Amino acid sequence: MEVFNSLSEVKKDKNTVITLGTFDGIHLGHKKIIEKVINKAEKLRARSFLITFDPHPRIVVSKGHTIKLLNTLQEKIEILGDLKIQNLLIINFTKEFSQLSSEEFFKNYIIDKIGLKEIVIGYDHHFGKGRGGDENTLREMGKEFDFNVTRVDAVNINGTSVSSTKIRNALAEGNISLANSFLGRYYSFHGNVVKGDGRGRLLGFPTANIKLKEENKLLPAIGIYAVELIVDNVKHFGLMSIGKRPTFYNDGQLTTEIYIFDFDKNIYDKNVIVKVVERIRGEEKYSSPEELVAQMKKDKEAGMEIMSRLTN
């Protein structure tokens, strides 16, 4: 996949099939759109092109935004590369850019600079200032500038349409199974292993403390999860705790720790990928370290049982 960070880097070619959007999460609905772009491009012997924005538009246009990302930009690039889209343009989303009308944006950026034969959009696609542009806008412009518009319907799972908002809600509720089903893969994040207070080792459950690569990345709700951890391109299984460690502390500080099954290597300062497989339980406060250790042993059994199901 060729990645462009500026429109000036792109060579205009009308023989192009494009799609555009924020694509936060790159969930099953997004994948359906991308697959359609790739299939159309192959049939037309055209190039496939995806246009996205960074930072997330809501961060720029919403005052006091609280949005957390399902994908960092680097994660988005990695996933799109795996999906075999040929070209990716990342547009720097600024206040000034947000003031372009839908017609101005599409004419100045897409028609005049990139070129297109066909555009593929989702069923609820909006773009331009105030999200004023939609499918009808594109179809009218298509008549004037000679390109086709293909709409892709929503992906439904058990009667519910997949969306980034619903994935965020599922993660906030700790419903990682629902989030994963909407994504079509395990929800994941990148982080660095940093030194903690060593309490887990004293309890017989040494943990790797994880610092997120980007603060805007959304974490699942507080609780205990079965996870896959990728270190140096090797997959390991373990338990992740996202919480405030109320048994020992009352400072309210949120930490992310991972206990890796059958593992005793030093991985401080390593970059890791965490894939969240299944939620085991919420966080609880225990009356003693012994009571906590007893529960951790039960959590380990539950986590190993989950992982054995996945590997058999």
Protein backbone atom coordinates (compact mmCIF):
# COMPACT_ATOMS: atom_id res chain seq x y z
CA MET A 1 0.00 0.00 0.00
CA GLU A 2 1.27 3.46 -0.92
CA VAL A 3 0.64 6.06 1.77
CA PHE A 4 0.35 9.77 0.89
CA ASN A 5 0.44 12.51 3.51
CA SER A 6 -0.11 15.36 1.07
CA LEU A 7 -2.34 15.85 -1.93
CA SER A 8 0.67 17.18 -3.85
CA GLU A 9 2.19 13.69 -3.73
CA VAL A 10 -0.76 12.13 -5.59
CA LYS A 11 -0.77 11.77 -9.36
CA LYS A 12 -4.16 12.48 -10.90
CA ASP A 13 -5.74 9.50 -12.66
CA LYS A 14 -9.42 9.38 -13.55
CA ASN A 15 -9.23 5.60 -13.66
CA THR A 16 -9.62 5.43 -9.87
CA VAL A 17 -12.17 3.89 -7.51
CA ILE A 18 -12.24 5.70 -4.18
CA THR A 19 -13.88 5.78 -0.81
CA LEU A 20 -13.47 8.32 1.95
CA GLY A 21 -14.24 8.68 5.62
CA THR A 22 -12.83 8.63 9.12
CA PHE A 23 -12.88 4.81 9.26
CA ASP A 24 -12.38 4.74 13.03
CA GLY A 25 -12.23 1.10 14.06
CA ILE A 26 -12.30 -0.28 10.51
CA HIS A 27 -15.18 -2.52 11.55
CA LEU A 28 -17.16 -4.99 9.45
CA GLY A 29 -19.19 -2.21 7.82
CA HIS A 30 -15.99 -0.43 6.78
CA LYS A 31 -14.50 -3.69 5.51
CA LYS A 32 -17.54 -4.26 3.31
CA ILE A 33 -17.01 -0.83 1.71
CA ILE A 34 -13.29 -1.43 1.23
CA GLU A 35 -13.87 -4.84 -0.32
CA LYS A 36 -16.33 -3.26 -2.76
CA VAL A 37 -13.73 -0.61 -3.71
CA ILE A 38 -11.10 -3.29 -4.36
CA ASN A 39 -13.49 -5.47 -6.39
CA LYS A 40 -14.68 -2.53 -8.48
CA ALA A 41 -11.09 -1.44 -9.12
CA GLU A 42 -10.12 -4.94 -10.26
CA LYS A 43 -13.05 -5.15 -12.67
CA LEU A 44 -12.33 -1.69 -14.08
CA ARG A 45 -8.56 -2.24 -14.08
CA ALA A 46 -8.39 0.92 -12.00
CA ARG A 47 -6.45 1.88 -8.89
CA SER A 48 -8.13 1.57 -5.50
CA PHE A 49 -7.90 4.62 -3.25
CA LEU A 50 -8.97 5.34 0.32
CA ILE A 51 -9.01 8.86 1.78
CA THR A 52 -9.12 9.39 5.51
CA PHE A 53 -8.52 12.19 8.00
CA ASP A 54 -6.20 12.82 10.91
CA PRO A 55 -6.84 13.90 13.58
CA HIS A 56 -10.39 12.62 14.03
CA PRO A 57 -12.73 15.40 12.80
CA ARG A 58 -14.66 15.52 16.07
CA ILE A 59 -11.46 16.40 17.91
CA VAL A 60 -11.16 19.51 15.73
CA VAL A 61 -14.76 20.67 15.38
CA SER A 62 -16.18 19.77 18.83
CA LYS A 63 -15.33 22.01 21.77
CA GLY A 64 -14.18 20.10 24.84
CA HIS A 65 -14.27 16.80 22.93
CA THR A 66 -14.05 13.60 24.93
CA ILE A 67 -13.78 11.17 22.02
CA LYS A 68 -11.34 8.30 22.34
CA LEU A 69 -10.08 6.52 19.25
CA LEU A 70 -10.79 2.93 18.27
CA ASN A 71 -7.71 3.12 16.02
CA THR A 72 -4.61 5.25 16.23
CA LEU A 73 -3.37 6.42 12.85
CA GLN A 74 -0.60 3.80 12.85
CA GLU A 75 -3.08 1.02 13.65
CA LYS A 76 -5.34 2.24 10.86
CA ILE A 77 -2.47 2.16 8.36
CA GLU A 78 -1.53 -1.38 9.42
CA ILE A 79 -5.10 -2.70 9.11
CA LEU A 80 -5.70 -1.04 5.74
CA GLY A 81 -2.44 -2.50 4.46
CA ASP A 82 -3.65 -5.96 5.45
CA LEU A 83 -6.91 -5.34 3.59
CA LYS A 84 -4.94 -4.76 0.35
CA ILE A 85 -6.14 -1.27 -0.51
CA GLN A 86 -3.58 0.08 -3.01
CA ASN A 87 -3.44 3.76 -2.06
CA LEU A 88 -4.11 5.73 1.12
CA LEU A 89 -4.28 9.52 1.42
CA ILE A 90 -4.25 10.98 4.93
CA ILE A 91 -5.66 14.51 4.95
CA ASN A 92 -4.65 16.76 7.84
CA PHE A 93 -8.01 17.77 9.30
CA THR A 94 -7.83 21.38 10.47
CA LYS A 95 -10.32 24.10 11.42
CA GLU A 96 -9.74 25.68 8.03
CA PHE A 97 -10.32 22.41 6.21
CA SER A 98 -13.53 21.82 8.20
CA GLN A 99 -15.02 25.01 6.68
CA LEU A 100 -14.94 23.67 3.13
CA SER A 101 -18.39 22.93 1.77
CA SER A 102 -19.03 19.42 0.52
CA GLU A 103 -18.92 20.63 -3.11
CA GLU A 104 -15.69 22.62 -2.58
CA PHE A 105 -13.97 19.69 -0.92
CA PHE A 106 -15.00 17.15 -3.51
CA LYS A 107 -14.21 19.35 -6.50
CA ASN A 108 -10.89 20.73 -5.22
CA TYR A 109 -9.53 17.52 -3.69
CA ILE A 110 -11.10 14.56 -5.44
CA ILE A 111 -12.11 15.61 -8.93
CA ASP A 112 -9.32 18.09 -9.70
CA LYS A 113 -6.40 16.47 -7.88
CA ILE A 114 -7.01 12.70 -7.54
CA GLY A 115 -9.50 11.85 -10.25
CA LEU A 116 -12.16 9.16 -10.09
CA LYS A 117 -14.29 6.85 -12.14
CA GLU A 118 -16.38 5.63 -9.20
CA ILE A 119 -16.87 6.36 -5.50
CA VAL A 120 -18.09 3.78 -2.98
CA ILE A 121 -19.80 5.08 0.17
CA GLY A 122 -21.62 3.74 3.19
CA TYR A 123 -25.37 3.97 3.64
CA ASP A 124 -25.13 6.99 5.98
CA HIS A 125 -22.22 8.85 4.41
CA HIS A 126 -21.94 12.61 5.05
CA PHE A 127 -19.05 14.95 4.34
CA GLY A 128 -18.03 18.59 4.08
CA LYS A 129 -18.84 21.56 6.34
CA GLY A 130 -21.49 20.62 8.89
CA ARG A 131 -21.64 17.18 7.23
CA GLY A 132 -23.74 18.86 4.54
CA GLY A 133 -22.83 16.53 1.70
CA ASP A 134 -24.48 13.13 1.23
CA GLU A 135 -25.27 10.50 -1.36
CA ASN A 136 -27.55 12.87 -3.29
CA THR A 137 -24.78 15.49 -3.43
CA LEU A 138 -22.41 12.92 -4.93
CA ARG A 139 -24.93 11.66 -7.46
CA GLU A 140 -25.57 15.19 -8.73
CA MET A 141 -21.84 15.84 -8.99
CA GLY A 142 -21.42 12.48 -10.71
CA LYS A 143 -23.74 13.60 -13.49
CA GLU A 144 -21.73 16.78 -13.99
CA PHE A 145 -18.23 15.30 -13.72
CA ASP A 146 -18.83 11.80 -15.09
CA PHE A 147 -18.33 9.37 -12.22
CA ASN A 148 -20.50 6.67 -10.68
CA VAL A 149 -21.69 6.35 -7.09
CA THR A 150 -22.14 2.99 -5.36
CA ARG A 151 -23.77 2.78 -1.95
CA VAL A 152 -23.04 -0.09 0.43
CA ASP A 153 -25.72 -1.05 2.91
CA ALA A 154 -25.12 -1.52 6.64
CA VAL A 155 -23.74 -4.76 8.05
CA ASN A 156 -26.13 -6.21 10.61
CA ILE A 157 -25.27 -8.66 13.38
CA ASN A 158 -28.21 -10.19 15.22
CA GLY A 159 -30.43 -7.39 13.94
CA THR A 160 -28.07 -4.57 15.00
CA SER A 161 -26.25 -2.42 12.46
CA VAL A 162 -22.50 -2.17 13.03
CA SER A 163 -21.08 1.29 13.78
CA SER A 164 -18.10 2.89 15.50
CA THR A 165 -20.40 4.45 18.09
CA LYS A 166 -21.85 1.07 19.05
CA ILE A 167 -18.36 -0.38 19.38
CA ARG A 168 -17.37 2.48 21.68
CA ASN A 169 -20.47 1.87 23.78
CA ALA A 170 -19.75 -1.85 23.99
CA LEU A 171 -16.17 -1.20 25.13
CA ALA A 172 -17.37 1.32 27.73
CA GLU A 173 -19.68 -1.35 29.12
CA GLY A 174 -16.94 -4.00 29.11
CA ASN A 175 -18.81 -5.99 26.45
CA ILE A 176 -15.67 -6.97 24.60
CA SER A 177 -17.37 -9.93 22.89
CA LEU A 178 -19.86 -7.59 21.20
CA ALA A 179 -17.14 -5.13 20.23
CA ASN A 180 -15.04 -7.94 18.75
CA SER A 181 -18.00 -9.28 16.78
CA PHE A 182 -18.61 -5.83 15.25
CA LEU A 183 -14.91 -5.42 14.44
CA GLY A 184 -14.47 -8.90 12.99
CA ARG A 185 -11.25 -9.25 15.00
CA TYR A 186 -10.01 -8.80 18.56
CA TYR A 187 -9.92 -5.23 19.80
CA SER A 188 -6.26 -4.30 20.26
CA PHE A 189 -3.87 -1.58 21.30
CA HIS A 190 -0.14 -0.85 21.20
CA GLY A 191 1.87 -0.01 24.28
CA ASN A 192 5.23 0.06 25.99
CA VAL A 193 6.18 -2.07 28.99
CA VAL A 194 7.14 0.20 31.89
CA LYS A 195 8.24 -0.43 35.46
CA GLY A 196 5.53 -0.75 38.09
CA ASP A 197 5.69 -1.11 41.87
CA GLY A 198 6.53 -4.85 41.77
CA ARG A 199 3.54 -5.81 43.89
CA GLY A 200 2.35 -8.46 41.45
CA ARG A 201 5.66 -10.30 41.72
CA LEU A 202 5.40 -10.30 45.52
CA LEU A 203 1.95 -11.88 45.19
CA GLY A 204 3.24 -14.58 42.84
CA PHE A 205 1.67 -13.00 39.76
CA PRO A 206 4.33 -10.80 38.12
CA THR A 207 2.77 -8.33 35.73
CA ALA A 208 3.90 -6.15 32.85
CA ASN A 209 2.68 -2.58 33.24
CA ILE A 210 1.56 -1.17 29.91
CA LYS A 211 1.65 2.47 28.91
CA LEU A 212 -0.47 3.26 25.86
CA LYS A 213 1.32 4.51 22.77
CA GLU A 214 -1.30 7.25 22.41
CA GLU A 215 -3.42 8.73 25.19
CA ASN A 216 -6.43 9.16 22.88
CA LYS A 217 -6.74 5.39 22.41
CA LEU A 218 -9.88 3.91 23.96
CA LEU A 219 -9.45 1.17 26.54
CA PRO A 220 -12.21 -1.28 27.52
CA ALA A 221 -14.03 -0.79 30.82
CA ILE A 222 -12.32 -1.53 34.12
CA GLY A 223 -12.06 -5.26 34.72
CA ILE A 224 -10.12 -8.48 34.16
CA TYR A 225 -9.70 -9.78 30.60
CA ALA A 226 -8.18 -12.76 28.82
CA VAL A 227 -5.71 -11.40 26.28
CA GLU A 228 -3.14 -12.24 23.65
CA LEU A 229 0.12 -10.33 23.98
CA ILE A 230 2.49 -9.96 21.03
CA VAL A 231 6.12 -9.41 22.08
CA ASP A 232 8.91 -9.51 19.48
CA ASN A 233 6.41 -11.01 17.01
CA VAL A 234 5.72 -13.92 19.38
CA LYS A 235 2.21 -14.53 20.74
CA HIS A 236 1.63 -15.18 24.44
CA PHE A 237 -1.55 -15.63 26.48
CA GLY A 238 -2.39 -13.97 29.74
CA LEU A 239 -4.68 -11.88 31.91
CA MET A 240 -5.07 -8.13 31.73
CA SER A 241 -6.23 -5.95 34.60
CA ILE A 242 -7.52 -2.48 33.81
CA GLY A 243 -8.30 -0.81 37.08
CA LYS A 244 -7.47 1.28 40.12
CA ARG A 245 -6.17 -1.54 42.36
CA PRO A 246 -8.56 -0.70 45.23
CA THR A 247 -7.23 -3.48 47.47
CA PHE A 248 -3.95 -1.57 47.89
CA TYR A 249 -4.54 2.02 46.74
CA ASN A 250 -7.20 4.70 46.89
CA ASP A 251 -5.58 7.33 44.64
CA GLY A 252 -7.93 6.54 41.75
CA GLN A 253 -5.06 6.10 39.28
CA LEU A 254 -5.93 3.82 36.38
CA THR A 255 -3.34 1.19 35.47
CA THR A 256 -3.10 -1.51 32.81
CA GLU A 257 -1.21 -4.64 33.84
CA ILE A 258 -0.78 -8.01 32.15
CA TYR A 259 0.11 -11.31 33.78
CA ILE A 260 1.58 -13.57 31.09
CA PHE A 261 1.09 -17.31 31.50
CA ASP A 262 4.32 -19.36 31.88
CA PHE A 263 6.62 -16.41 31.17
CA ASP A 264 9.64 -15.09 33.05
CA LYS A 265 11.58 -12.94 30.57
CA ASN A 266 12.51 -9.31 31.10
CA ILE A 267 10.48 -7.23 28.64
CA TYR A 268 10.89 -3.75 30.12
CA ASP A 269 10.83 -1.02 27.44
CA LYS A 270 9.50 -3.45 24.83
CA ASN A 271 6.79 -2.40 22.41
CA VAL A 272 3.85 -4.80 22.61
CA ILE A 273 0.46 -5.39 21.01
CA VAL A 274 -2.43 -6.40 23.26
CA LYS A 275 -5.44 -8.22 21.77
CA VAL A 276 -8.43 -8.32 24.10
CA VAL A 277 -10.17 -11.68 23.81
CA GLU A 278 -12.80 -11.99 26.54
CA ARG A 279 -13.87 -10.29 29.77
CA ILE A 280 -13.69 -12.45 32.87
CA ARG A 281 -15.05 -10.14 35.58
CA GLY A 282 -15.15 -6.61 36.94
CA GLU A 283 -12.72 -5.12 39.43
CA GLU A 284 -13.30 -5.79 43.13
CA LYS A 285 -11.78 -4.68 46.42
CA TYR A 286 -10.58 -7.52 48.67
CA SER A 287 -10.14 -7.52 52.43
CA SER A 288 -6.62 -8.99 52.28
CA PRO A 289 -3.81 -9.83 49.82
CA GLU A 290 -4.53 -13.52 50.45
CA GLU A 291 -8.12 -13.12 49.34
CA LEU A 292 -6.94 -11.31 46.19
CA VAL A 293 -4.41 -14.07 45.39
CA ALA A 294 -7.12 -16.72 45.75
CA GLN A 295 -9.26 -14.83 43.23
CA MET A 296 -6.31 -14.36 40.88
CA LYS A 297 -5.79 -18.12 40.84
CA LYS A 298 -9.42 -18.54 39.79
CA ASP A 299 -8.96 -15.86 37.12
CA LYS A 300 -5.92 -17.69 35.78
CA GLU A 301 -7.91 -20.92 35.51
CA ALA A 302 -10.69 -19.08 33.69
CA GLY A 303 -8.21 -17.38 31.36
CA MET A 304 -6.41 -20.61 30.53
CA GLU A 305 -9.72 -22.32 29.82
CA ILE A 306 -10.66 -19.49 27.41
CA MET A 307 -7.34 -19.76 25.61
CA SER A 308 -7.52 -23.55 25.40
CA ARG A 309 -10.84 -23.18 23.57
CA LEU A 310 -9.20 -20.86 21.06
CA THR A 311 -6.19 -23.08 20.39
CA ASN A 312 -8.02 -26.41 20.10
